Structure formats: C-alpha cells, structure tokens
Amino acid sequence: MPKAASRSKTRHNGHNLYTDITRIRNAFADTATDVKGKANEVVADSFKNIKQSSNRMQGSVARYTAKKPFKTIGLALLAGTVIGLLLRRK
C-alpha cells in the first residue's frame, strides 16, 4: 500500500493521527523538561541545606572544643579505643 494511501486512512473525523502524535510527543518533551528543571531545583536546595547544616555543626564543634578541650580529648580517645576494639575483633 502506498504511503500516501496509508496516511489518508489515518484521518478520521477531521483529525490527523500524525499531527496528534506530534503534539503528544511535544507535550511529553515539555513535561520532561519541566520535571528535569524541578529535580535540579530540589537537588540544589538540598545541597544548600546540607552545606548550611554542616557549617552550623562545624561552628558548634569548634565552640565546644574551645570551651572544653580536655573533655574533647577524652571523648576522642574513648571513641578511638572503642573503634579500635571493634575493628580488631573482626
């Protein structure tokens, strides 16, 4: 069957199937672009929030270490000992 004849059979009630498919494809492409943009925004916001939390935590640790240096050293030694014992058992 010639291509022109098969295309004419795709018209029904004044609609062209190929035009509709092109419109649907373009709508999907637009939606995918919107979703990608939104996902990039969410990731950027998440990184920004993580960076802010990290900076706050770093400041808190620095202040605590400056206020209580001996307690900090003791906690570090305790943590190192516990981790060393756990790793040595394996």
N, C-alpha and C. Protein backbone atom coordinates (compact mmCIF):
# COMPACT_ATOMS: atom_id res chain seq x y z
N MET A 1 0.84 -1.17 0.00
CA MET A 1 0.00 0.00 0.00
C MET A 1 0.89 1.24 0.00
N PRO A 2 0.67 2.19 -0.88
CA PRO A 2 1.49 3.40 -0.94
C PRO A 2 1.37 4.21 0.35
N LYS A 3 2.42 4.95 0.62
CA LYS A 3 2.47 5.72 1.86
C LYS A 3 1.36 6.76 1.92
N ALA A 4 1.07 7.42 0.82
CA ALA A 4 0.02 8.44 0.79
C ALA A 4 -1.34 7.82 1.09
N ALA A 5 -1.58 6.61 0.59
CA ALA A 5 -2.86 5.96 0.84
C ALA A 5 -2.99 5.57 2.31
N SER A 6 -1.88 5.12 2.93
CA SER A 6 -1.96 4.73 4.34
C SER A 6 -2.14 5.96 5.22
N ARG A 7 -1.55 7.08 4.83
CA ARG A 7 -1.74 8.31 5.62
C ARG A 7 -3.17 8.81 5.52
N SER A 8 -3.77 8.65 4.36
CA SER A 8 -5.14 9.14 4.23
C SER A 8 -6.09 8.31 5.08
N LYS A 9 -5.76 7.05 5.33
CA LYS A 9 -6.60 6.22 6.18
C LYS A 9 -6.45 6.59 7.66
N THR A 10 -5.39 7.32 8.01
CA THR A 10 -5.20 7.71 9.41
C THR A 10 -6.06 8.90 9.78
N ARG A 11 -6.66 9.54 8.81
CA ARG A 11 -7.55 10.67 9.09
C ARG A 11 -8.93 10.14 9.40
N HIS A 12 -9.45 10.62 10.53
CA HIS A 12 -10.77 10.16 10.94
C HIS A 12 -11.47 11.33 11.61
N ASN A 13 -12.61 11.65 11.14
CA ASN A 13 -13.40 12.77 11.68
C ASN A 13 -12.60 14.08 11.69
N GLY A 14 -11.83 14.33 10.67
CA GLY A 14 -11.10 15.58 10.55
C GLY A 14 -9.81 15.64 11.36
N HIS A 15 -9.42 14.56 12.05
CA HIS A 15 -8.19 14.54 12.83
C HIS A 15 -7.11 13.79 12.06
N ASN A 16 -5.92 14.27 12.18
CA ASN A 16 -4.79 13.61 11.56
C ASN A 16 -3.99 12.94 12.67
N LEU A 17 -3.83 11.64 12.60
CA LEU A 17 -3.16 10.86 13.63
C LEU A 17 -1.71 11.32 13.80
N TYR A 18 -1.02 11.60 12.72
CA TYR A 18 0.37 12.02 12.80
C TYR A 18 0.50 13.37 13.50
N THR A 19 -0.41 14.27 13.26
CA THR A 19 -0.41 15.57 13.94
C THR A 19 -0.63 15.37 15.43
N ASP A 20 -1.57 14.50 15.79
CA ASP A 20 -1.84 14.23 17.20
C ASP A 20 -0.63 13.59 17.88
N ILE A 21 0.01 12.67 17.21
CA ILE A 21 1.20 12.03 17.78
C ILE A 21 2.31 13.05 17.99
N THR A 22 2.48 13.95 17.03
CA THR A 22 3.50 15.01 17.17
C THR A 22 3.18 15.90 18.35
N ARG A 23 1.92 16.27 18.52
CA ARG A 23 1.52 17.10 19.66
C ARG A 23 1.78 16.38 20.99
N ILE A 24 1.46 15.10 21.03
CA ILE A 24 1.67 14.32 22.26
C ILE A 24 3.16 14.22 22.55
N ARG A 25 3.96 13.95 21.52
CA ARG A 25 5.41 13.86 21.70
C ARG A 25 5.97 15.18 22.22
N ASN A 26 5.52 16.29 21.68
CA ASN A 26 5.98 17.60 22.14
C ASN A 26 5.54 17.88 23.58
N ALA A 27 4.34 17.46 23.92
CA ALA A 27 3.86 17.63 25.30
C ALA A 27 4.72 16.82 26.27
N PHE A 28 5.06 15.59 25.89
CA PHE A 28 5.93 14.77 26.74
C PHE A 28 7.31 15.40 26.87
N ALA A 29 7.84 15.95 25.80
CA ALA A 29 9.16 16.59 25.85
C ALA A 29 9.12 17.80 26.78
N ASP A 30 8.05 18.60 26.68
CA ASP A 30 7.91 19.76 27.57
C ASP A 30 7.80 19.33 29.02
N THR A 31 7.03 18.28 29.27
CA THR A 31 6.86 17.78 30.64
C THR A 31 8.18 17.26 31.18
N ALA A 32 8.92 16.53 30.37
CA ALA A 32 10.22 16.01 30.80
C ALA A 32 11.18 17.15 31.14
N THR A 33 11.15 18.20 30.35
CA THR A 33 12.00 19.36 30.62
C THR A 33 11.60 20.02 31.94
N ASP A 34 10.29 20.15 32.18
CA ASP A 34 9.82 20.73 33.44
C ASP A 34 10.23 19.88 34.64
N VAL A 35 10.10 18.57 34.51
CA VAL A 35 10.47 17.66 35.60
C VAL A 35 11.97 17.74 35.86
N LYS A 36 12.75 17.79 34.81
CA LYS A 36 14.21 17.89 34.97
C LYS A 36 14.58 19.19 35.68
N GLY A 37 13.94 20.28 35.29
CA GLY A 37 14.20 21.56 35.94
C GLY A 37 13.83 21.54 37.41
N LYS A 38 12.69 20.96 37.73
CA LYS A 38 12.25 20.87 39.12
C LYS A 38 13.19 19.98 39.92
N ALA A 39 13.62 18.88 39.34
CA ALA A 39 14.56 17.98 40.03
C ALA A 39 15.87 18.70 40.31
N ASN A 40 16.36 19.49 39.36
CA ASN A 40 17.59 20.25 39.57
C ASN A 40 17.42 21.26 40.70
N GLU A 41 16.25 21.90 40.78
CA GLU A 41 15.98 22.84 41.87
C GLU A 41 16.00 22.13 43.21
N VAL A 42 15.36 20.97 43.29
CA VAL A 42 15.30 20.22 44.55
C VAL A 42 16.70 19.80 44.99
N VAL A 43 17.50 19.31 44.05
CA VAL A 43 18.86 18.89 44.38
C VAL A 43 19.69 20.10 44.84
N ALA A 44 19.57 21.21 44.16
CA ALA A 44 20.33 22.41 44.54
C ALA A 44 19.92 22.88 45.93
N ASP A 45 18.62 22.87 46.22
CA ASP A 45 18.15 23.26 47.55
C ASP A 45 18.66 22.30 48.62
N SER A 46 18.66 21.01 48.31
CA SER A 46 19.15 20.02 49.27
C SER A 46 20.63 20.24 49.57
N PHE A 47 21.43 20.47 48.54
CA PHE A 47 22.86 20.73 48.75
C PHE A 47 23.06 21.99 49.59
N LYS A 48 22.26 23.01 49.31
CA LYS A 48 22.37 24.26 50.06
C LYS A 48 22.05 24.02 51.54
N ASN A 49 20.98 23.26 51.80
CA ASN A 49 20.60 22.96 53.18
C ASN A 49 21.67 22.13 53.89
N ILE A 50 22.23 21.16 53.19
CA ILE A 50 23.28 20.32 53.77
C ILE A 50 24.50 21.16 54.09
N LYS A 51 24.86 22.06 53.20
CA LYS A 51 26.03 22.91 53.42
C LYS A 51 25.81 23.81 54.63
N GLN A 52 24.60 24.39 54.75
CA GLN A 52 24.30 25.24 55.90
C GLN A 52 24.35 24.45 57.20
N SER A 53 23.78 23.25 57.21
CA SER A 53 23.81 22.41 58.40
C SER A 53 25.23 22.02 58.76
N SER A 54 26.03 21.70 57.78
CA SER A 54 27.42 21.34 58.00
C SER A 54 28.19 22.51 58.61
N ASN A 55 27.96 23.71 58.10
CA ASN A 55 28.65 24.89 58.63
C ASN A 55 28.23 25.16 60.08
N ARG A 56 26.94 25.00 60.38
CA ARG A 56 26.48 25.18 61.77
C ARG A 56 27.11 24.15 62.69
N MET A 57 27.13 22.90 62.24
CA MET A 57 27.72 21.82 63.05
C MET A 57 29.20 22.08 63.29
N GLN A 58 29.90 22.50 62.26
CA GLN A 58 31.33 22.79 62.39
C GLN A 58 31.55 23.90 63.41
N GLY A 59 30.74 24.93 63.36
CA GLY A 59 30.85 26.02 64.33
C GLY A 59 30.57 25.54 65.75
N SER A 60 29.57 24.68 65.90
CA SER A 60 29.23 24.14 67.23
C SER A 60 30.39 23.31 67.78
N VAL A 61 30.96 22.48 66.96
CA VAL A 61 32.08 21.64 67.39
C VAL A 61 33.29 22.52 67.76
N ALA A 62 33.54 23.52 66.99
CA ALA A 62 34.68 24.41 67.28
C ALA A 62 34.47 25.14 68.61
N ARG A 63 33.25 25.62 68.85
CA ARG A 63 32.97 26.30 70.12
C ARG A 63 33.09 25.34 71.30
N TYR A 64 32.54 24.12 71.15
CA TYR A 64 32.60 23.13 72.23
C TYR A 64 34.05 22.75 72.53
N THR A 65 34.83 22.57 71.49
CA THR A 65 36.23 22.20 71.66
C THR A 65 37.00 23.31 72.37
N ALA A 66 36.69 24.56 72.03
CA ALA A 66 37.38 25.69 72.67
C ALA A 66 36.97 25.82 74.14
N LYS A 67 35.71 25.54 74.47
CA LYS A 67 35.23 25.66 75.85
C LYS A 67 35.71 24.50 76.73
N LYS A 68 35.76 23.29 76.17
CA LYS A 68 36.08 22.09 76.96
C LYS A 68 37.12 21.23 76.24
N PRO A 69 38.37 21.70 76.22
CA PRO A 69 39.39 20.96 75.45
C PRO A 69 39.71 19.58 76.04
N PHE A 70 39.77 19.45 77.36
CA PHE A 70 40.14 18.16 77.95
C PHE A 70 39.03 17.13 77.78
N LYS A 71 37.79 17.57 77.90
CA LYS A 71 36.67 16.65 77.68
C LYS A 71 36.66 16.19 76.21
N THR A 72 36.97 17.09 75.31
CA THR A 72 37.02 16.74 73.89
C THR A 72 38.10 15.70 73.62
N ILE A 73 39.27 15.89 74.20
CA ILE A 73 40.36 14.92 74.03
C ILE A 73 39.95 13.56 74.60
N GLY A 74 39.31 13.58 75.79
CA GLY A 74 38.86 12.33 76.40
C GLY A 74 37.84 11.60 75.53
N LEU A 75 36.88 12.35 74.97
CA LEU A 75 35.88 11.73 74.08
C LEU A 75 36.54 11.16 72.82
N ALA A 76 37.52 11.87 72.29
CA ALA A 76 38.22 11.38 71.09
C ALA A 76 38.98 10.10 71.40
N LEU A 77 39.66 10.07 72.55
CA LEU A 77 40.38 8.86 72.94
C LEU A 77 39.43 7.69 73.18
N LEU A 78 38.31 7.96 73.83
CA LEU A 78 37.32 6.91 74.07
C LEU A 78 36.77 6.37 72.75
N ALA A 79 36.41 7.26 71.85
CA ALA A 79 35.87 6.83 70.55
C ALA A 79 36.92 6.03 69.77
N GLY A 80 38.16 6.48 69.79
CA GLY A 80 39.22 5.76 69.09
C GLY A 80 39.45 4.38 69.67
N THR A 81 39.38 4.27 70.99
CA THR A 81 39.56 2.97 71.65
C THR A 81 38.44 2.01 71.29
N VAL A 82 37.21 2.50 71.35
CA VAL A 82 36.05 1.65 71.02
C VAL A 82 36.13 1.20 69.56
N ILE A 83 36.42 2.11 68.66
CA ILE A 83 36.51 1.75 67.23
C ILE A 83 37.65 0.76 67.02
N GLY A 84 38.79 0.98 67.68
CA GLY A 84 39.92 0.06 67.55
C GLY A 84 39.58 -1.34 68.05
N LEU A 85 38.87 -1.41 69.18
CA LEU A 85 38.47 -2.73 69.70
C LEU A 85 37.49 -3.43 68.78
N LEU A 86 36.56 -2.68 68.23
CA LEU A 86 35.58 -3.30 67.32
C LEU A 86 36.24 -3.79 66.03
N LEU A 87 37.17 -3.03 65.52
CA LEU A 87 37.83 -3.45 64.28
C LEU A 87 38.81 -4.59 64.50
N ARG A 88 39.42 -4.66 65.66
CA ARG A 88 40.39 -5.70 65.94
C ARG A 88 39.70 -7.06 66.10
N ARG A 89 38.45 -7.08 66.53
CA ARG A 89 37.73 -8.34 66.76
C ARG A 89 37.40 -9.05 65.45
N LYS A 90 37.36 -8.34 64.39
CA LYS A 90 36.98 -8.97 63.11
C LYS A 90 38.08 -9.72 62.52
